[in-house]
Amino acid sequence: MKVALLYFARLREALGASREEATLPAEARDIQSLMAWLAQRGGVWQEEFSGCRPLRAAVNQELVANDATFKDGDEIAFFPPVTGG
């Protein structure tokens, strides 16, 4: 399955990229397993996607929970939660 991955805010800066096209393995079937797959890249990827730092996800511009699934061709965005004041 191929998807577009978008990274915003601190992720964009830490990863040195704002977007990538990725061919996912079969085990990356929901947001949580996708994050685990990204964390396996090691280094800063491990730091950002291991679950130690809060992240939100959106699929096709709609906020989703970590158990949300996606399909071929979807756009998946990751970003830190934002607080207002």
PDB file of N, CA and C in Angstrom:
ATOM      1  N   MET A   1       0.842  -1.166   0.000  1.00  0.00           N
ATOM      2  CA  MET A   1       0.000   0.000   0.000  1.00  0.00           C
ATOM      3  C   MET A   1       0.893   1.237   0.000  1.00  0.00           C
ATOM      4  N   LYS A   2       0.540   2.200  -0.834  1.00  0.00           N
ATOM      5  CA  LYS A   2       1.283   3.459  -0.903  1.00  0.00           C
ATOM      6  C   LYS A   2       0.429   4.574  -0.313  1.00  0.00           C
ATOM      7  N   VAL A   3       1.070   5.394   0.527  1.00  0.00           N
ATOM      8  CA  VAL A   3       0.393   6.534   1.140  1.00  0.00           C
ATOM      9  C   VAL A   3       1.334   7.733   1.130  1.00  0.00           C
ATOM     10  N   ALA A   4       0.752   8.901   1.303  1.00  0.00           N
ATOM     11  CA  ALA A   4       1.538  10.120   1.480  1.00  0.00           C
ATOM     12  C   ALA A   4       1.600  10.405   2.973  1.00  0.00           C
ATOM     13  N   LEU A   5       2.790  10.634   3.483  1.00  0.00           N
ATOM     14  CA  LEU A   5       2.983  10.970   4.894  1.00  0.00           C
ATOM     15  C   LEU A   5       3.412  12.421   4.986  1.00  0.00           C
ATOM     16  N   LEU A   6       2.714  13.184   5.828  1.00  0.00           N
ATOM     17  CA  LEU A   6       3.032  14.599   6.023  1.00  0.00           C
ATOM     18  C   LEU A   6       3.438  14.812   7.475  1.00  0.00           C
ATOM     19  N   TYR A   7       4.454  15.655   7.673  1.00  0.00           N
ATOM     20  CA  TYR A   7       4.980  15.931   9.007  1.00  0.00           C
ATOM     21  C   TYR A   7       4.932  17.439   9.241  1.00  0.00           C
ATOM     22  N   PHE A   8       4.370  17.837  10.387  1.00  0.00           N
ATOM     23  CA  PHE A   8       4.202  19.257  10.695  1.00  0.00           C
ATOM     24  C   PHE A   8       4.918  19.638  11.987  1.00  0.00           C
ATOM     25  N   ALA A   9       5.165  20.942  12.120  1.00  0.00           N
ATOM     26  CA  ALA A   9       5.726  21.554  13.335  1.00  0.00           C
ATOM     27  C   ALA A   9       7.047  20.900  13.719  1.00  0.00           C
ATOM     28  N   ARG A  10       7.187  20.469  14.978  1.00  0.00           N
ATOM     29  CA  ARG A  10       8.475  19.945  15.449  1.00  0.00           C
ATOM     30  C   ARG A  10       8.903  18.714  14.664  1.00  0.00           C
ATOM     31  N   LEU A  11       7.943  17.948  14.161  1.00  0.00           N
ATOM     32  CA  LEU A  11       8.299  16.759  13.381  1.00  0.00           C
ATOM     33  C   LEU A  11       9.028  17.149  12.106  1.00  0.00           C
ATOM     34  N   ARG A  12       8.514  18.129  11.408  1.00  0.00           N
ATOM     35  CA  ARG A  12       9.140  18.585  10.166  1.00  0.00           C
ATOM     36  C   ARG A  12      10.581  18.998  10.428  1.00  0.00           C
ATOM     37  N   GLU A  13      10.788  19.727  11.508  1.00  0.00           N
ATOM     38  CA  GLU A  13      12.137  20.182  11.836  1.00  0.00           C
ATOM     39  C   GLU A  13      13.031  19.025  12.273  1.00  0.00           C
ATOM     40  N   ALA A  14      12.535  18.156  13.128  1.00  0.00           N
ATOM     41  CA  ALA A  14      13.343  17.047  13.642  1.00  0.00           C
ATOM     42  C   ALA A  14      13.693  16.042  12.552  1.00  0.00           C
ATOM     43  N   LEU A  15      12.738  15.759  11.662  1.00  0.00           N
ATOM     44  CA  LEU A  15      12.939  14.753  10.629  1.00  0.00           C
ATOM     45  C   LEU A  15      13.608  15.316   9.383  1.00  0.00           C
ATOM     46  N   GLY A  16      13.595  16.635   9.250  1.00  0.00           N
ATOM     47  CA  GLY A  16      14.191  17.256   8.075  1.00  0.00           C
ATOM     48  C   GLY A  16      13.380  17.039   6.808  1.00  0.00           C
ATOM     49  N   ALA A  17      12.096  16.781   6.974  1.00  0.00           N
ATOM     50  CA  ALA A  17      11.213  16.554   5.819  1.00  0.00           C
ATOM     51  C   ALA A  17       9.797  16.947   6.198  1.00  0.00           C
ATOM     52  N   SER A  18       9.054  17.420   5.211  1.00  0.00           N
ATOM     53  CA  SER A  18       7.659  17.752   5.461  1.00  0.00           C
ATOM     54  C   SER A  18       6.715  16.734   4.836  1.00  0.00           C
ATOM     55  N   ARG A  19       7.249  15.904   3.919  1.00  0.00           N
ATOM     56  CA  ARG A  19       6.391  14.972   3.182  1.00  0.00           C
ATOM     57  C   ARG A  19       7.221  13.842   2.614  1.00  0.00           C
ATOM     58  N   GLU A  20       6.603  12.678   2.507  1.00  0.00           N
ATOM     59  CA  GLU A  20       7.216  11.564   1.789  1.00  0.00           C
ATOM     60  C   GLU A  20       6.134  10.642   1.271  1.00  0.00           C
ATOM     61  N   GLU A  21       6.430   9.965   0.223  1.00  0.00           N
ATOM     62  CA  GLU A  21       5.558   8.913  -0.291  1.00  0.00           C
ATOM     63  C   GLU A  21       6.147   7.611   0.234  1.00  0.00           C
ATOM     64  N   ALA A  22       5.325   6.782   0.848  1.00  0.00           N
ATOM     65  CA  ALA A  22       5.832   5.562   1.461  1.00  0.00           C
ATOM     66  C   ALA A  22       5.038   4.353   1.002  1.00  0.00           C
ATOM     67  N   THR A  23       5.760   3.273   0.758  1.00  0.00           N
ATOM     68  CA  THR A  23       5.139   1.977   0.511  1.00  0.00           C
ATOM     69  C   THR A  23       5.192   1.229   1.829  1.00  0.00           C
ATOM     70  N   LEU A  24       4.029   0.965   2.398  1.00  0.00           N
ATOM     71  CA  LEU A  24       3.953   0.403   3.740  1.00  0.00           C
ATOM     72  C   LEU A  24       3.943  -1.117   3.714  1.00  0.00           C
ATOM     73  N   PRO A  25       4.533  -1.725   4.740  1.00  0.00           N
ATOM     74  CA  PRO A  25       4.448  -3.181   4.876  1.00  0.00           C
ATOM     75  C   PRO A  25       3.043  -3.577   5.330  1.00  0.00           C
ATOM     76  N   ALA A  26       2.703  -4.828   5.186  1.00  0.00           N
ATOM     77  CA  ALA A  26       1.365  -5.314   5.535  1.00  0.00           C
ATOM     78  C   ALA A  26       1.023  -5.067   6.995  1.00  0.00           C
ATOM     79  N   GLU A  27       2.022  -5.099   7.874  1.00  0.00           N
ATOM     80  CA  GLU A  27       1.730  -4.924   9.307  1.00  0.00           C
ATOM     81  C   GLU A  27       1.355  -3.489   9.676  1.00  0.00           C
ATOM     82  N   ALA A  28       1.603  -2.521   8.818  1.00  0.00           N
ATOM     83  CA  ALA A  28       1.214  -1.129   9.070  1.00  0.00           C
ATOM     84  C   ALA A  28      -0.209  -0.933   8.563  1.00  0.00           C
ATOM     85  N   ARG A  29      -1.185  -1.285   9.414  1.00  0.00           N
ATOM     86  CA  ARG A  29      -2.585  -1.292   8.989  1.00  0.00           C
ATOM     87  C   ARG A  29      -3.434  -0.240   9.674  1.00  0.00           C
ATOM     88  N   ASP A  30      -2.886   0.386  10.738  1.00  0.00           N
ATOM     89  CA  ASP A  30      -3.590   1.469  11.424  1.00  0.00           C
ATOM     90  C   ASP A  30      -2.544   2.491  11.885  1.00  0.00           C
ATOM     91  N   ILE A  31      -3.006   3.587  12.469  1.00  0.00           N
ATOM     92  CA  ILE A  31      -2.079   4.657  12.850  1.00  0.00           C
ATOM     93  C   ILE A  31      -1.028   4.160  13.834  1.00  0.00           C
ATOM     94  N   GLN A  32      -1.447   3.398  14.839  1.00  0.00           N
ATOM     95  CA  GLN A  32      -0.508   2.908  15.852  1.00  0.00           C
ATOM     96  C   GLN A  32       0.582   2.037  15.236  1.00  0.00           C
ATOM     97  N   SER A  33       0.209   1.109  14.372  1.00  0.00           N
ATOM     98  CA  SER A  33       1.216   0.238  13.763  1.00  0.00           C
ATOM     99  C   SER A  33       2.068   1.004  12.746  1.00  0.00           C
ATOM    100  N   LEU A  34       1.508   2.023  12.119  1.00  0.00           N
ATOM    101  CA  LEU A  34       2.301   2.872  11.227  1.00  0.00           C
ATOM    102  C   LEU A  34       3.351   3.633  12.036  1.00  0.00           C
ATOM    103  N   MET A  35       2.959   4.146  13.195  1.00  0.00           N
ATOM    104  CA  MET A  35       3.910   4.856  14.042  1.00  0.00           C
ATOM    105  C   MET A  35       5.020   3.908  14.512  1.00  0.00           C
ATOM    106  N   ALA A  36       4.677   2.676  14.835  1.00  0.00           N
ATOM    107  CA  ALA A  36       5.682   1.690  15.245  1.00  0.00           C
ATOM    108  C   ALA A  36       6.651   1.414  14.098  1.00  0.00           C
ATOM    109  N   TRP A  37       6.129   1.320  12.889  1.00  0.00           N
ATOM    110  CA  TRP A  37       6.973   1.087  11.717  1.00  0.00           C
ATOM    111  C   TRP A  37       7.921   2.266  11.499  1.00  0.00           C
ATOM    112  N   LEU A  38       7.412   3.484  11.641  1.00  0.00           N
ATOM    113  CA  LEU A  38       8.269   4.664  11.493  1.00  0.00           C
ATOM    114  C   LEU A  38       9.331   4.708  12.587  1.00  0.00           C
ATOM    115  N   ALA A  39       8.979   4.339  13.806  1.00  0.00           N
ATOM    116  CA  ALA A  39       9.928   4.335  14.923  1.00  0.00           C
ATOM    117  C   ALA A  39      11.088   3.365  14.671  1.00  0.00           C
ATOM    118  N   GLN A  40      10.832   2.298  13.922  1.00  0.00           N
ATOM    119  CA  GLN A  40      11.874   1.309  13.625  1.00  0.00           C
ATOM    120  C   GLN A  40      12.996   1.873  12.766  1.00  0.00           C
ATOM    121  N   ARG A  41      12.799   3.043  12.198  1.00  0.00           N
ATOM    122  CA  ARG A  41      13.861   3.678  11.423  1.00  0.00           C
ATOM    123  C   ARG A  41      15.015   4.104  12.323  1.00  0.00           C
ATOM    124  N   GLY A  42      14.744   4.209  13.623  1.00  0.00           N
ATOM    125  CA  GLY A  42      15.778   4.535  14.604  1.00  0.00           C
ATOM    126  C   GLY A  42      16.041   6.023  14.715  1.00  0.00           C
ATOM    127  N   GLY A  43      16.966   6.380  15.591  1.00  0.00           N
ATOM    128  CA  GLY A  43      17.369   7.765  15.782  1.00  0.00           C
ATOM    129  C   GLY A  43      16.209   8.669  16.130  1.00  0.00           C
ATOM    130  N   VAL A  44      16.141   9.795  15.440  1.00  0.00           N
ATOM    131  CA  VAL A  44      15.085  10.776  15.701  1.00  0.00           C
ATOM    132  C   VAL A  44      13.700  10.194  15.413  1.00  0.00           C
ATOM    133  N   TRP A  45      13.608   9.269  14.477  1.00  0.00           N
ATOM    134  CA  TRP A  45      12.325   8.615  14.176  1.00  0.00           C
ATOM    135  C   TRP A  45      11.843   7.843  15.405  1.00  0.00           C
ATOM    136  N   GLN A  46      12.751   7.148  16.049  1.00  0.00           N
ATOM    137  CA  GLN A  46      12.418   6.415  17.279  1.00  0.00           C
ATOM    138  C   GLN A  46      11.950   7.385  18.355  1.00  0.00           C
ATOM    139  N   GLU A  47      12.667   8.486  18.499  1.00  0.00           N
ATOM    140  CA  GLU A  47      12.319   9.486  19.510  1.00  0.00           C
ATOM    141  C   GLU A  47      10.918  10.049  19.289  1.00  0.00           C
ATOM    142  N   GLU A  48      10.580  10.338  18.062  1.00  0.00           N
ATOM    143  CA  GLU A  48       9.308  10.994  17.760  1.00  0.00           C
ATOM    144  C   GLU A  48       8.116  10.043  17.704  1.00  0.00           C
ATOM    145  N   PHE A  49       8.321   8.810  17.240  1.00  0.00           N
ATOM    146  CA  PHE A  49       7.191   7.924  16.985  1.00  0.00           C
ATOM    147  C   PHE A  49       7.058   6.745  17.948  1.00  0.00           C
ATOM    148  N   SER A  50       7.887   6.683  18.979  1.00  0.00           N
ATOM    149  CA  SER A  50       7.833   5.544  19.909  1.00  0.00           C
ATOM    150  C   SER A  50       6.694   5.648  20.910  1.00  0.00           C
ATOM    151  N   GLY A  51       6.017   6.798  20.953  1.00  0.00           N
ATOM    152  CA  GLY A  51       4.914   6.974  21.884  1.00  0.00           C
ATOM    153  C   GLY A  51       5.285   7.777  23.115  1.00  0.00           C
ATOM    154  N   CYS A  52       6.549   8.158  23.239  1.00  0.00           N
ATOM    155  CA  CYS A  52       6.992   8.953  24.385  1.00  0.00           C
ATOM    156  C   CYS A  52       6.603  10.418  24.251  1.00  0.00           C
ATOM    157  N   ARG A  53       6.467  10.882  23.037  1.00  0.00           N
ATOM    158  CA  ARG A  53       6.086  12.272  22.789  1.00  0.00           C
ATOM    159  C   ARG A  53       4.691  12.276  22.173  1.00  0.00           C
ATOM    160  N   PRO A  54       3.826  13.179  22.629  1.00  0.00           N
ATOM    161  CA  PRO A  54       2.452  13.182  22.108  1.00  0.00           C
ATOM    162  C   PRO A  54       2.387  13.580  20.637  1.00  0.00           C
ATOM    163  N   LEU A  55       1.595  12.834  19.884  1.00  0.00           N
ATOM    164  CA  LEU A  55       1.358  13.115  18.464  1.00  0.00           C
ATOM    165  C   LEU A  55      -0.115  12.940  18.160  1.00  0.00           C
ATOM    166  N   ARG A  56      -0.587  13.685  17.196  1.00  0.00           N
ATOM    167  CA  ARG A  56      -1.933  13.518  16.648  1.00  0.00           C
ATOM    168  C   ARG A  56      -1.775  13.086  15.205  1.00  0.00           C
ATOM    169  N   ALA A  57      -2.817  12.487  14.679  1.00  0.00           N
ATOM    170  CA  ALA A  57      -2.802  12.048  13.284  1.00  0.00           C
ATOM    171  C   ALA A  57      -4.104  12.449  12.611  1.00  0.00           C
ATOM    172  N   ALA A  58      -4.000  12.649  11.320  1.00  0.00           N
ATOM    173  CA  ALA A  58      -5.172  12.916  10.486  1.00  0.00           C
ATOM    174  C   ALA A  58      -5.050  12.068   9.230  1.00  0.00           C
ATOM    175  N   VAL A  59      -6.164  11.536   8.801  1.00  0.00           N
ATOM    176  CA  VAL A  59      -6.219  10.795   7.539  1.00  0.00           C
ATOM    177  C   VAL A  59      -7.108  11.596   6.606  1.00  0.00           C
ATOM    178  N   ASN A  60      -6.547  11.986   5.486  1.00  0.00           N
ATOM    179  CA  ASN A  60      -7.276  12.804   4.514  1.00  0.00           C
ATOM    180  C   ASN A  60      -7.903  14.033   5.182  1.00  0.00           C
ATOM    181  N   GLN A  61      -7.103  14.685   6.026  1.00  0.00           N
ATOM    182  CA  GLN A  61      -7.439  15.946   6.687  1.00  0.00           C
ATOM    183  C   GLN A  61      -8.528  15.830   7.747  1.00  0.00           C
ATOM    184  N   GLU A  62      -8.765  14.629   8.266  1.00  0.00           N
ATOM    185  CA  GLU A  62      -9.713  14.430   9.360  1.00  0.00           C
ATOM    186  C   GLU A  62      -8.969  13.813  10.534  1.00  0.00           C
ATOM    187  N   LEU A  63      -9.064  14.455  11.713  1.00  0.00           N
ATOM    188  CA  LEU A  63      -8.427  13.918  12.906  1.00  0.00           C
ATOM    189  C   LEU A  63      -8.934  12.514  13.185  1.00  0.00           C
ATOM    190  N   VAL A  64      -8.010  11.625  13.569  1.00  0.00           N
ATOM    191  CA  VAL A  64      -8.376  10.237  13.842  1.00  0.00           C
ATOM    192  C   VAL A  64      -7.686   9.754  15.112  1.00  0.00           C
ATOM    193  N   ALA A  65      -8.219   8.682  15.680  1.00  0.00           N
ATOM    194  CA  ALA A  65      -7.601   8.008  16.825  1.00  0.00           C
ATOM    195  C   ALA A  65      -6.510   7.072  16.307  1.00  0.00           C
ATOM    196  N   ASN A  66      -5.676   6.591  17.226  1.00  0.00           N
ATOM    197  CA  ASN A  66      -4.559   5.728  16.829  1.00  0.00           C
ATOM    198  C   ASN A  66      -4.992   4.366  16.303  1.00  0.00           C
ATOM    199  N   ASP A  67      -6.245   3.974  16.513  1.00  0.00           N
ATOM    200  CA  ASP A  67      -6.712   2.700  15.970  1.00  0.00           C
ATOM    201  C   ASP A  67      -7.374   2.860  14.599  1.00  0.00           C
ATOM    202  N   ALA A  68      -7.360   4.079  14.056  1.00  0.00           N
ATOM    203  CA  ALA A  68      -7.955   4.335  12.739  1.00  0.00           C
ATOM    204  C   ALA A  68      -7.148   3.643  11.641  1.00  0.00           C
ATOM    205  N   THR A  69      -7.862   3.121  10.677  1.00  0.00           N
ATOM    206  CA  THR A  69      -7.210   2.486   9.529  1.00  0.00           C
ATOM    207  C   THR A  69      -7.178   3.460   8.356  1.00  0.00           C
ATOM    208  N   PHE A  70      -6.480   3.069   7.319  1.00  0.00           N
ATOM    209  CA  PHE A  70      -6.354   3.881   6.114  1.00  0.00           C
ATOM    210  C   PHE A  70      -6.238   2.945   4.928  1.00  0.00           C
ATOM    211  N   LYS A  71      -6.279   3.523   3.740  1.00  0.00           N
ATOM    212  CA  LYS A  71      -6.226   2.690   2.534  1.00  0.00           C
ATOM    213  C   LYS A  71      -5.210   3.256   1.542  1.00  0.00           C
ATOM    214  N   ASP A  72      -4.951   2.494   0.530  1.00  0.00           N
ATOM    215  CA  ASP A  72      -4.010   2.882  -0.515  1.00  0.00           C
ATOM    216  C   ASP A  72      -4.371   4.258  -1.061  1.00  0.00           C
ATOM    217  N   GLY A  73      -3.375   5.124  -1.169  1.00  0.00           N
ATOM    218  CA  GLY A  73      -3.575   6.451  -1.722  1.00  0.00           C
ATOM    219  C   GLY A  73      -3.949   7.515  -0.715  1.00  0.00           C
ATOM    220  N   ASP A  74      -4.184   7.129   0.545  1.00  0.00           N
ATOM    221  CA  ASP A  74      -4.558   8.106   1.565  1.00  0.00           C
ATOM    222  C   ASP A  74      -3.389   9.017   1.918  1.00  0.00           C
ATOM    223  N   GLU A  75      -3.742  10.162   2.488  1.00  0.00           N
ATOM    224  CA  GLU A  75      -2.772  11.130   2.998  1.00  0.00           C
ATOM    225  C   GLU A  75      -2.860  11.081   4.526  1.00  0.00           C
ATOM    226  N   ILE A  76      -1.732  10.797   5.169  1.00  0.00           N
ATOM    227  CA  ILE A  76      -1.689  10.675   6.623  1.00  0.00           C
ATOM    228  C   ILE A  76      -0.749  11.746   7.156  1.00  0.00           C
ATOM    229  N   ALA A  77      -1.275  12.599   8.013  1.00  0.00           N
ATOM    230  CA  ALA A  77      -0.493  13.699   8.572  1.00  0.00           C
ATOM    231  C   ALA A  77      -0.244  13.450  10.056  1.00  0.00           C
ATOM    232  N   PHE A  78       0.966  13.786  10.499  1.00  0.00           N
ATOM    233  CA  PHE A  78       1.332  13.703  11.911  1.00  0.00           C
ATOM    234  C   PHE A  78       1.747  15.077  12.391  1.00  0.00           C
ATOM    235  N   PHE A  79       1.304  15.416  13.610  1.00  0.00           N
ATOM    236  CA  PHE A  79       1.632  16.720  14.179  1.00  0.00           C
ATOM    237  C   PHE A  79       1.483  16.662  15.697  1.00  0.00           C
ATOM    238  N   PRO A  80       2.209  17.512  16.409  1.00  0.00           N
ATOM    239  CA  PRO A  80       2.040  17.560  17.862  1.00  0.00           C
ATOM    240  C   PRO A  80       0.699  18.195  18.203  1.00  0.00           C
ATOM    241  N   PRO A  81       0.114  17.834  19.335  1.00  0.00           N
ATOM    242  CA  PRO A  81      -1.135  18.484  19.740  1.00  0.00           C
ATOM    243  C   PRO A  81      -0.895  19.973  19.990  1.00  0.00           C
ATOM    244  N   VAL A  82      -1.906  20.755  19.735  1.00  0.00           N
ATOM    245  CA  VAL A  82      -1.796  22.214  19.895  1.00  0.00           C
ATOM    246  C   VAL A  82      -2.744  22.631  21.012  1.00  0.00           C
ATOM    247  N   THR A  83      -2.263  23.490  21.866  1.00  0.00           N
ATOM    248  CA  THR A  83      -3.144  24.026  22.914  1.00  0.00           C
ATOM    249  C   THR A  83      -3.392  25.483  22.641  1.00  0.00           C
ATOM    250  N   GLY A  84      -4.541  25.927  23.005  1.00  0.00           N
ATOM    251  CA  GLY A  84      -4.895  27.338  22.813  1.00  0.00           C
ATOM    252  C   GLY A  84      -4.868  28.080  24.143  1.00  0.00           C
ATOM    253  N   GLY A  85      -4.994  29.362  24.055  1.00  0.00           N
ATOM    254  CA  GLY A  85      -4.978  30.089  25.307  1.00  0.00           C
ATOM    255  C   GLY A  85      -5.510  31.490  25.134  1.00  0.00           C
TER     256      GLY A  85
END
